[in-house]
PDB file of N, CA and C in Angstrom:
ATOM      1  N   UNK A   1     -28.176  63.137 -39.336  1.00  0.00           N
ATOM      2  CA  UNK A   1     -26.897  63.872 -39.261  1.00  0.00           C
ATOM      3  C   UNK A   1     -26.876  65.069 -40.153  1.00  0.00           C
ATOM      4  N   UNK A   2     -26.534  66.240 -39.912  1.00  0.00           N
ATOM      5  CA  UNK A   2     -26.526  67.482 -40.637  1.00  0.00           C
ATOM      6  C   UNK A   2     -25.362  67.369 -41.501  1.00  0.00           C
ATOM      7  N   UNK A   3     -25.406  68.255 -42.475  1.00  0.00           N
ATOM      8  CA  UNK A   3     -24.317  68.447 -43.511  1.00  0.00           C
ATOM      9  C   UNK A   3     -23.128  69.221 -42.698  1.00  0.00           C
ATOM     10  N   UNK A   4     -21.884  68.848 -42.875  1.00  0.00           N
ATOM     11  CA  UNK A   4     -20.851  69.562 -42.012  1.00  0.00           C
ATOM     12  C   UNK A   4     -20.610  70.872 -42.375  1.00  0.00           C
ATOM     13  N   UNK A   5     -20.974  71.363 -43.480  1.00  0.00           N
ATOM     14  CA  UNK A   5     -21.000  72.700 -43.908  1.00  0.00           C
ATOM     15  C   UNK A   5     -22.064  73.552 -43.202  1.00  0.00           C
ATOM     16  N   UNK A   6     -23.072  72.836 -42.630  1.00  0.00           N
ATOM     17  CA  UNK A   6     -24.255  73.683 -42.016  1.00  0.00           C
ATOM     18  C   UNK A   6     -23.892  73.702 -40.602  1.00  0.00           C
ATOM     19  N   UNK A   7     -23.033  72.805 -40.113  1.00  0.00           N
ATOM     20  CA  UNK A   7     -22.682  72.764 -38.739  1.00  0.00           C
ATOM     21  C   UNK A   7     -21.827  73.938 -38.287  1.00  0.00           C
ATOM     22  N   UNK A   8     -20.599  74.032 -38.933  1.00  0.00           N
ATOM     23  CA  UNK A   8     -19.622  74.980 -38.740  1.00  0.00           C
ATOM     24  C   UNK A   8     -19.984  76.261 -39.448  1.00  0.00           C
ATOM     25  N   UNK A   9     -20.110  77.325 -38.771  1.00  0.00           N
ATOM     26  CA  UNK A   9     -20.453  78.680 -39.536  1.00  0.00           C
ATOM     27  C   UNK A   9     -19.128  79.415 -39.771  1.00  0.00           C
ATOM     28  N   UNK A  10     -18.406  79.925 -38.760  1.00  0.00           N
ATOM     29  CA  UNK A  10     -17.146  80.724 -38.935  1.00  0.00           C
ATOM     30  C   UNK A  10     -16.148  80.285 -37.790  1.00  0.00           C
ATOM     31  N   UNK A  11     -15.137  80.757 -37.955  1.00  0.00           N
ATOM     32  CA  UNK A  11     -14.013  80.792 -36.887  1.00  0.00           C
ATOM     33  C   UNK A  11     -14.042  82.051 -36.269  1.00  0.00           C
ATOM     34  N   UNK A  12     -13.995  81.984 -34.777  1.00  0.00           N
ATOM     35  CA  UNK A  12     -14.107  83.166 -34.145  1.00  0.00           C
ATOM     36  C   UNK A  12     -12.845  83.653 -33.753  1.00  0.00           C
ATOM     37  N   UNK A  13     -12.118  84.745 -34.225  1.00  0.00           N
ATOM     38  CA  UNK A  13     -10.822  85.073 -33.876  1.00  0.00           C
ATOM     39  C   UNK A  13     -10.919  86.493 -33.116  1.00  0.00           C
ATOM     40  N   UNK A  14     -10.457  86.228 -31.917  1.00  0.00           N
ATOM     41  CA  UNK A  14     -10.552  87.554 -30.919  1.00  0.00           C
ATOM     42  C   UNK A  14      -9.209  87.357 -30.066  1.00  0.00           C
ATOM     43  N   UNK A  15      -9.164  88.213 -29.025  1.00  0.00           N
ATOM     44  CA  UNK A  15      -7.985  88.121 -28.108  1.00  0.00           C
ATOM     45  C   UNK A  15      -7.940  87.036 -27.356  1.00  0.00           C
ATOM     46  N   UNK A  16      -9.244  86.656 -26.745  1.00  0.00           N
ATOM     47  CA  UNK A  16      -9.595  85.508 -25.975  1.00  0.00           C
ATOM     48  C   UNK A  16      -9.344  84.281 -26.681  1.00  0.00           C
ATOM     49  N   UNK A  17      -9.890  84.228 -27.863  1.00  0.00           N
ATOM     50  CA  UNK A  17      -9.662  82.958 -28.639  1.00  0.00           C
ATOM     51  C   UNK A  17      -8.152  82.728 -29.173  1.00  0.00           C
ATOM     52  N   UNK A  18      -7.498  83.742 -29.365  1.00  0.00           N
ATOM     53  CA  UNK A  18      -5.959  83.612 -29.632  1.00  0.00           C
ATOM     54  C   UNK A  18      -5.293  83.153 -28.433  1.00  0.00           C
ATOM     55  N   UNK A  19      -5.592  83.677 -27.372  1.00  0.00           N
ATOM     56  CA  UNK A  19      -4.942  83.238 -26.024  1.00  0.00           C
ATOM     57  C   UNK A  19      -5.333  81.723 -25.827  1.00  0.00           C
ATOM     58  N   UNK A  20      -6.468  81.227 -25.843  1.00  0.00           N
ATOM     59  CA  UNK A  20      -6.746  79.803 -25.900  1.00  0.00           C
ATOM     60  C   UNK A  20      -6.035  79.034 -26.912  1.00  0.00           C
ATOM     61  N   UNK A  21      -5.761  79.440 -28.081  1.00  0.00           N
ATOM     62  CA  UNK A  21      -5.131  78.731 -28.980  1.00  0.00           C
ATOM     63  C   UNK A  21      -3.710  78.531 -28.579  1.00  0.00           C
ATOM     64  N   UNK A  22      -3.163  79.627 -28.185  1.00  0.00           N
ATOM     65  CA  UNK A  22      -1.784  79.551 -27.641  1.00  0.00           C
ATOM     66  C   UNK A  22      -1.421  78.810 -26.469  1.00  0.00           C
ATOM     67  N   UNK A  23      -2.266  78.857 -25.452  1.00  0.00           N
ATOM     68  CA  UNK A  23      -2.108  78.158 -24.209  1.00  0.00           C
ATOM     69  C   UNK A  23      -2.563  76.698 -24.248  1.00  0.00           C
ATOM     70  N   UNK A  24      -3.760  76.340 -24.817  1.00  0.00           N
ATOM     71  CA  UNK A  24      -4.522  75.163 -24.676  1.00  0.00           C
ATOM     72  C   UNK A  24      -4.679  74.404 -25.955  1.00  0.00           C
ATOM     73  N   UNK A  25      -4.205  74.843 -27.066  1.00  0.00           N
ATOM     74  CA  UNK A  25      -4.455  74.256 -28.271  1.00  0.00           C
ATOM     75  C   UNK A  25      -6.071  74.177 -28.505  1.00  0.00           C
ATOM     76  N   UNK A  26      -6.714  75.182 -28.240  1.00  0.00           N
ATOM     77  CA  UNK A  26      -8.188  75.305 -28.403  1.00  0.00           C
ATOM     78  C   UNK A  26      -8.649  76.345 -29.315  1.00  0.00           C
ATOM     79  N   UNK A  27      -9.636  75.976 -30.244  1.00  0.00           N
ATOM     80  CA  UNK A  27     -10.028  76.773 -31.221  1.00  0.00           C
ATOM     81  C   UNK A  27     -11.417  77.198 -31.042  1.00  0.00           C
ATOM     82  N   UNK A  28     -11.874  78.359 -31.467  1.00  0.00           N
ATOM     83  CA  UNK A  28     -13.368  78.823 -31.146  1.00  0.00           C
ATOM     84  C   UNK A  28     -14.184  78.989 -32.525  1.00  0.00           C
ATOM     85  N   UNK A  29     -15.234  78.358 -32.449  1.00  0.00           N
ATOM     86  CA  UNK A  29     -16.030  78.317 -33.784  1.00  0.00           C
ATOM     87  C   UNK A  29     -17.511  78.879 -33.497  1.00  0.00           C
ATOM     88  N   UNK A  30     -18.084  79.582 -34.380  1.00  0.00           N
ATOM     89  CA  UNK A  30     -19.453  79.854 -34.334  1.00  0.00           C
ATOM     90  C   UNK A  30     -20.137  78.665 -35.058  1.00  0.00           C
ATOM     91  N   UNK A  31     -21.120  78.042 -34.232  1.00  0.00           N
ATOM     92  CA  UNK A  31     -21.760  76.910 -34.951  1.00  0.00           C
ATOM     93  C   UNK A  31     -23.228  77.095 -34.990  1.00  0.00           C
ATOM     94  N   UNK A  32     -23.941  76.041 -35.662  1.00  0.00           N
ATOM     95  CA  UNK A  32     -25.342  76.080 -35.749  1.00  0.00           C
ATOM     96  C   UNK A  32     -25.962  75.925 -34.355  1.00  0.00           C
ATOM     97  N   UNK A  33     -27.117  76.531 -34.182  1.00  0.00           N
ATOM     98  CA  UNK A  33     -27.667  76.562 -32.829  1.00  0.00           C
ATOM     99  C   UNK A  33     -28.198  75.183 -32.373  1.00  0.00           C
ATOM    100  N   UNK A  34     -28.591  74.407 -33.322  1.00  0.00           N
ATOM    101  CA  UNK A  34     -29.096  72.957 -33.126  1.00  0.00           C
ATOM    102  C   UNK A  34     -28.034  71.976 -33.146  1.00  0.00           C
ATOM    103  N   UNK A  35     -26.832  72.273 -33.358  1.00  0.00           N
ATOM    104  CA  UNK A  35     -25.625  71.347 -33.353  1.00  0.00           C
ATOM    105  C   UNK A  35     -25.429  70.943 -31.913  1.00  0.00           C
ATOM    106  N   UNK A  36     -24.971  69.533 -31.964  1.00  0.00           N
ATOM    107  CA  UNK A  36     -24.656  69.008 -30.705  1.00  0.00           C
ATOM    108  C   UNK A  36     -22.999  68.650 -30.685  1.00  0.00           C
ATOM    109  N   UNK A  37     -22.565  68.365 -29.552  1.00  0.00           N
ATOM    110  CA  UNK A  37     -21.099  68.151 -29.567  1.00  0.00           C
ATOM    111  C   UNK A  37     -20.539  66.992 -30.670  1.00  0.00           C
ATOM    112  N   UNK A  38     -21.253  65.983 -30.840  1.00  0.00           N
ATOM    113  CA  UNK A  38     -20.835  64.878 -31.640  1.00  0.00           C
ATOM    114  C   UNK A  38     -20.834  65.380 -33.032  1.00  0.00           C
ATOM    115  N   UNK A  39     -21.868  66.228 -33.528  1.00  0.00           N
ATOM    116  CA  UNK A  39     -21.868  66.784 -34.757  1.00  0.00           C
ATOM    117  C   UNK A  39     -20.617  67.781 -34.943  1.00  0.00           C
ATOM    118  N   UNK A  40     -20.559  68.653 -33.987  1.00  0.00           N
ATOM    119  CA  UNK A  40     -19.365  69.612 -34.217  1.00  0.00           C
ATOM    120  C   UNK A  40     -17.977  68.809 -34.222  1.00  0.00           C
ATOM    121  N   UNK A  41     -17.738  67.680 -33.396  1.00  0.00           N
ATOM    122  CA  UNK A  41     -16.559  67.014 -33.506  1.00  0.00           C
ATOM    123  C   UNK A  41     -16.331  66.323 -34.908  1.00  0.00           C
ATOM    124  N   UNK A  42     -17.346  65.694 -35.429  1.00  0.00           N
ATOM    125  CA  UNK A  42     -17.272  65.102 -36.789  1.00  0.00           C
ATOM    126  C   UNK A  42     -17.027  66.083 -37.921  1.00  0.00           C
ATOM    127  N   UNK A  43     -17.712  67.221 -37.767  1.00  0.00           N
ATOM    128  CA  UNK A  43     -17.501  68.292 -38.725  1.00  0.00           C
ATOM    129  C   UNK A  43     -16.061  68.842 -38.724  1.00  0.00           C
ATOM    130  N   UNK A  44     -15.551  69.161 -37.573  1.00  0.00           N
ATOM    131  CA  UNK A  44     -14.144  69.640 -37.540  1.00  0.00           C
ATOM    132  C   UNK A  44     -13.029  68.557 -37.984  1.00  0.00           C
ATOM    133  N   UNK A  45     -13.310  67.291 -37.641  1.00  0.00           N
ATOM    134  CA  UNK A  45     -12.473  66.210 -38.103  1.00  0.00           C
ATOM    135  C   UNK A  45     -12.560  66.153 -39.630  1.00  0.00           C
ATOM    136  N   UNK A  46     -13.656  66.184 -40.161  1.00  0.00           N
ATOM    137  CA  UNK A  46     -13.865  65.998 -41.667  1.00  0.00           C
ATOM    138  C   UNK A  46     -13.331  67.056 -42.446  1.00  0.00           C
ATOM    139  N   UNK A  47     -13.554  68.396 -41.905  1.00  0.00           N
ATOM    140  CA  UNK A  47     -13.320  69.619 -42.696  1.00  0.00           C
ATOM    141  C   UNK A  47     -11.815  69.837 -42.735  1.00  0.00           C
ATOM    142  N   UNK A  48     -11.194  69.710 -41.487  1.00  0.00           N
ATOM    143  CA  UNK A  48      -9.708  70.062 -41.268  1.00  0.00           C
ATOM    144  C   UNK A  48      -8.802  68.801 -41.356  1.00  0.00           C
ATOM    145  N   UNK A  49      -9.338  67.500 -41.120  1.00  0.00           N
ATOM    146  CA  UNK A  49      -8.633  66.419 -41.091  1.00  0.00           C
ATOM    147  C   UNK A  49      -7.652  66.251 -39.845  1.00  0.00           C
ATOM    148  N   UNK A  50      -8.135  66.818 -38.671  1.00  0.00           N
ATOM    149  CA  UNK A  50      -7.549  66.855 -37.433  1.00  0.00           C
ATOM    150  C   UNK A  50      -8.259  65.937 -36.443  1.00  0.00           C
ATOM    151  N   UNK A  51      -7.581  65.397 -35.455  1.00  0.00           N
ATOM    152  CA  UNK A  51      -8.261  64.678 -34.347  1.00  0.00           C
ATOM    153  C   UNK A  51      -8.613  65.657 -33.235  1.00  0.00           C
ATOM    154  N   UNK A  52      -9.975  65.533 -32.770  1.00  0.00           N
ATOM    155  CA  UNK A  52     -10.382  66.542 -31.750  1.00  0.00           C
ATOM    156  C   UNK A  52     -10.436  65.619 -30.352  1.00  0.00           C
ATOM    157  N   UNK A  53      -9.977  66.259 -29.354  1.00  0.00           N
ATOM    158  CA  UNK A  53      -9.895  65.593 -28.053  1.00  0.00           C
ATOM    159  C   UNK A  53     -11.225  66.096 -27.251  1.00  0.00           C
ATOM    160  N   UNK A  54     -11.571  67.296 -27.171  1.00  0.00           N
ATOM    161  CA  UNK A  54     -12.777  67.685 -26.535  1.00  0.00           C
ATOM    162  C   UNK A  54     -13.532  68.758 -27.224  1.00  0.00           C
ATOM    163  N   UNK A  55     -14.810  68.909 -26.976  1.00  0.00           N
ATOM    164  CA  UNK A  55     -15.665  70.025 -27.388  1.00  0.00           C
ATOM    165  C   UNK A  55     -16.422  70.466 -26.281  1.00  0.00           C
ATOM    166  N   UNK A  56     -16.460  71.837 -26.034  1.00  0.00           N
ATOM    167  CA  UNK A  56     -17.327  72.552 -25.211  1.00  0.00           C
ATOM    168  C   UNK A  56     -18.173  73.570 -25.951  1.00  0.00           C
ATOM    169  N   UNK A  57     -19.464  73.648 -25.543  1.00  0.00           N
ATOM    170  CA  UNK A  57     -20.330  74.512 -26.218  1.00  0.00           C
ATOM    171  C   UNK A  57     -21.085  75.460 -25.244  1.00  0.00           C
ATOM    172  N   UNK A  58     -21.452  76.648 -25.753  1.00  0.00           N
ATOM    173  CA  UNK A  58     -22.152  77.733 -24.860  1.00  0.00           C
ATOM    174  C   UNK A  58     -23.135  78.387 -25.945  1.00  0.00           C
ATOM    175  N   UNK A  59     -24.357  78.576 -25.360  1.00  0.00           N
ATOM    176  CA  UNK A  59     -25.278  79.503 -26.073  1.00  0.00           C
ATOM    177  C   UNK A  59     -24.996  81.047 -25.618  1.00  0.00           C
ATOM    178  N   UNK A  60     -25.026  81.824 -26.591  1.00  0.00           N
ATOM    179  CA  UNK A  60     -24.568  83.253 -26.354  1.00  0.00           C
ATOM    180  C   UNK A  60     -25.962  84.071 -26.835  1.00  0.00           C
ATOM    181  N   UNK A  61     -26.342  84.781 -26.002  1.00  0.00           N
ATOM    182  CA  UNK A  61     -27.447  85.722 -26.438  1.00  0.00           C
ATOM    183  C   UNK A  61     -27.107  86.867 -27.164  1.00  0.00           C
ATOM    184  N   UNK A  62     -27.944  87.314 -27.946  1.00  0.00           N
ATOM    185  CA  UNK A  62     -27.690  88.651 -28.796  1.00  0.00           C
ATOM    186  C   UNK A  62     -27.828  89.703 -28.045  1.00  0.00           C
ATOM    187  N   UNK A  63     -27.178  90.890 -28.623  1.00  0.00           N
ATOM    188  CA  UNK A  63     -27.098  92.098 -27.899  1.00  0.00           C
ATOM    189  C   UNK A  63     -28.078  92.953 -28.300  1.00  0.00           C
ATOM    190  N   UNK A  64     -28.403  93.936 -27.288  1.00  0.00           N
ATOM    191  CA  UNK A  64     -29.587  94.903 -27.634  1.00  0.00           C
ATOM    192  C   UNK A  64     -28.936  95.963 -28.579  1.00  0.00           C
ATOM    193  N   UNK A  65     -29.659  96.480 -29.382  1.00  0.00           N
ATOM    194  CA  UNK A  65     -29.095  97.503 -30.384  1.00  0.00           C
ATOM    195  C   UNK A  65     -30.285  98.664 -30.342  1.00  0.00           C
ATOM    196  N   UNK A  66     -29.684  99.853 -30.595  1.00  0.00           N
ATOM    197  CA  UNK A  66     -30.552 101.089 -30.800  1.00  0.00           C
ATOM    198  C   UNK A  66     -31.375 101.210 -29.464  1.00  0.00           C
ATOM    199  N   UNK A  67     -30.798 101.276 -28.278  1.00  0.00           N
ATOM    200  CA  UNK A  67     -31.435 101.333 -26.912  1.00  0.00           C
ATOM    201  C   UNK A  67     -32.302 102.497 -26.781  1.00  0.00           C
ATOM    202  N   UNK A  68     -31.912 103.800 -27.311  1.00  0.00           N
ATOM    203  CA  UNK A  68     -32.448 105.011 -27.038  1.00  0.00           C
ATOM    204  C   UNK A  68     -33.692 105.339 -27.799  1.00  0.00           C
ATOM    205  N   UNK A  69     -34.144 104.316 -28.603  1.00  0.00           N
ATOM    206  CA  UNK A  69     -35.350 104.562 -29.385  1.00  0.00           C
ATOM    207  C   UNK A  69     -36.525 103.466 -29.019  1.00  0.00           C
ATOM    208  N   UNK A  70     -37.654 103.904 -29.569  1.00  0.00           N
ATOM    209  CA  UNK A  70     -38.776 103.018 -29.228  1.00  0.00           C
ATOM    210  C   UNK A  70     -38.674 101.750 -29.963  1.00  0.00           C
ATOM    211  N   UNK A  71     -37.990 101.724 -31.057  1.00  0.00           N
ATOM    212  CA  UNK A  71     -37.959 100.545 -31.956  1.00  0.00           C
ATOM    213  C   UNK A  71     -36.624  99.758 -31.650  1.00  0.00           C
ATOM    214  N   UNK A  72     -36.246  99.561 -30.334  1.00  0.00           N
ATOM    215  CA  UNK A  72     -35.008  98.784 -30.094  1.00  0.00           C
ATOM    216  C   UNK A  72     -35.135  97.309 -30.436  1.00  0.00           C
ATOM    217  N   UNK A  73     -34.103  96.730 -30.915  1.00  0.00           N
ATOM    218  CA  UNK A  73     -34.125  95.440 -31.355  1.00  0.00           C
ATOM    219  C   UNK A  73     -32.965  94.688 -30.815  1.00  0.00           C
ATOM    220  N   UNK A  74     -32.778  93.503 -31.248  1.00  0.00           N
ATOM    221  CA  UNK A  74     -31.626  92.530 -30.794  1.00  0.00           C
ATOM    222  C   UNK A  74     -30.990  91.771 -31.793  1.00  0.00           C
ATOM    223  N   UNK A  75     -29.638  91.503 -31.752  1.00  0.00           N
ATOM    224  CA  UNK A  75     -29.047  90.752 -32.733  1.00  0.00           C
ATOM    225  C   UNK A  75     -29.407  89.237 -32.343  1.00  0.00           C
ATOM    226  N   UNK A  76     -29.083  88.520 -33.272  1.00  0.00           N
ATOM    227  CA  UNK A  76     -29.596  86.984 -33.225  1.00  0.00           C
ATOM    228  C   UNK A  76     -28.808  86.271 -32.080  1.00  0.00           C
ATOM    229  N   UNK A  77     -29.412  85.350 -31.543  1.00  0.00           N
ATOM    230  CA  UNK A  77     -28.660  84.522 -30.489  1.00  0.00           C
ATOM    231  C   UNK A  77     -27.718  83.644 -31.297  1.00  0.00           C
ATOM    232  N   UNK A  78     -26.692  83.031 -30.824  1.00  0.00           N
ATOM    233  CA  UNK A  78     -25.791  82.145 -31.311  1.00  0.00           C
ATOM    234  C   UNK A  78     -25.171  81.310 -30.552  1.00  0.00           C
ATOM    235  N   UNK A  79     -24.595  80.239 -31.115  1.00  0.00           N
ATOM    236  CA  UNK A  79     -23.904  79.052 -30.388  1.00  0.00           C
ATOM    237  C   UNK A  79     -22.368  79.111 -30.596  1.00  0.00           C
ATOM    238  N   UNK A  80     -21.567  78.971 -29.462  1.00  0.00           N
ATOM    239  CA  UNK A  80     -20.198  78.926 -29.699  1.00  0.00           C
ATOM    240  C   UNK A  80     -19.677  77.770 -29.180  1.00  0.00           C
ATOM    241  N   UNK A  81     -18.515  77.156 -29.904  1.00  0.00           N
ATOM    242  CA  UNK A  81     -17.966  75.900 -29.709  1.00  0.00           C
ATOM    243  C   UNK A  81     -16.451  76.060 -29.389  1.00  0.00           C
ATOM    244  N   UNK A  82     -15.856  75.553 -28.361  1.00  0.00           N
ATOM    245  CA  UNK A  82     -14.474  75.648 -28.147  1.00  0.00           C
ATOM    246  C   UNK A  82     -14.001  74.227 -28.293  1.00  0.00           C
ATOM    247  N   UNK A  83     -13.152  74.056 -29.245  1.00  0.00           N
ATOM    248  CA  UNK A  83     -12.609  72.504 -29.602  1.00  0.00           C
ATOM    249  C   UNK A  83     -11.217  72.562 -29.329  1.00  0.00           C
ATOM    250  N   UNK A  84     -10.850  71.471 -28.575  1.00  0.00           N
ATOM    251  CA  UNK A  84      -9.638  71.328 -28.145  1.00  0.00           C
ATOM    252  C   UNK A  84      -9.023  70.067 -29.034  1.00  0.00           C
ATOM    253  N   UNK A  85      -8.016  70.329 -29.873  1.00  0.00           N
ATOM    254  CA  UNK A  85      -7.316  69.282 -30.655  1.00  0.00           C
ATOM    255  C   UNK A  85      -6.374  68.485 -29.802  1.00  0.00           C
ATOM    256  N   UNK A  86      -6.075  67.269 -30.185  1.00  0.00           N
ATOM    257  CA  UNK A  86      -5.200  66.364 -29.619  1.00  0.00           C
ATOM    258  C   UNK A  86      -3.801  66.873 -29.629  1.00  0.00           C
ATOM    259  N   UNK A  87      -2.877  66.389 -28.751  1.00  0.00           N
ATOM    260  CA  UNK A  87      -1.441  66.964 -28.814  1.00  0.00           C
ATOM    261  C   UNK A  87      -0.846  66.612 -30.113  1.00  0.00           C
ATOM    262  N   UNK A  88      -0.039  67.590 -30.615  1.00  0.00           N
ATOM    263  CA  UNK A  88       0.591  67.519 -31.969  1.00  0.00           C
ATOM    264  C   UNK A  88      -0.192  68.026 -33.023  1.00  0.00           C
ATOM    265  N   UNK A  89      -1.570  68.346 -32.901  1.00  0.00           N
ATOM    266  CA  UNK A  89      -2.322  68.831 -33.979  1.00  0.00           C
ATOM    267  C   UNK A  89      -2.409  70.214 -33.756  1.00  0.00           C
ATOM    268  N   UNK A  90      -2.590  71.106 -35.016  1.00  0.00           N
ATOM    269  CA  UNK A  90      -2.844  72.431 -35.028  1.00  0.00           C
ATOM    270  C   UNK A  90      -3.598  72.777 -36.170  1.00  0.00           C
ATOM    271  N   UNK A  91      -4.213  73.935 -36.234  1.00  0.00           N
ATOM    272  CA  UNK A  91      -4.834  74.489 -37.440  1.00  0.00           C
ATOM    273  C   UNK A  91      -4.229  75.760 -37.903  1.00  0.00           C
ATOM    274  N   UNK A  92      -4.080  76.118 -39.067  1.00  0.00           N
ATOM    275  CA  UNK A  92      -3.459  77.177 -39.616  1.00  0.00           C
ATOM    276  C   UNK A  92      -4.639  77.975 -40.302  1.00  0.00           C
ATOM    277  N   UNK A  93      -5.194  78.979 -39.409  1.00  0.00           N
ATOM    278  CA  UNK A  93      -6.305  79.653 -39.765  1.00  0.00           C
ATOM    279  C   UNK A  93      -6.135  80.992 -40.438  1.00  0.00           C
ATOM    280  N   UNK A  94      -5.000  81.477 -40.312  1.00  0.00           N
ATOM    281  CA  UNK A  94      -4.763  82.963 -40.734  1.00  0.00           C
ATOM    282  C   UNK A  94      -3.879  82.859 -42.084  1.00  0.00           C
TER     283      UNK A  94
END
């Protein structure tokens, strides 16, 4: 099992993430690429002390950068987790 501080990287705060938080009690996290749903669930429950209902994950590909030059590169690929907390639970992130 991985260390919980290596599983969760950052909280993603965007318009879509805020809408998910308000409508469905779901929070969006950037997580380690090798982390699975069980590790993410355990890490959230231990870090924040909240009960997790479901975890959905997706792999996000990096974006192309400096397209108009010969030395074009990419940003790193990363993994996103959408975590739904049980009813009555909430996180104060801001």
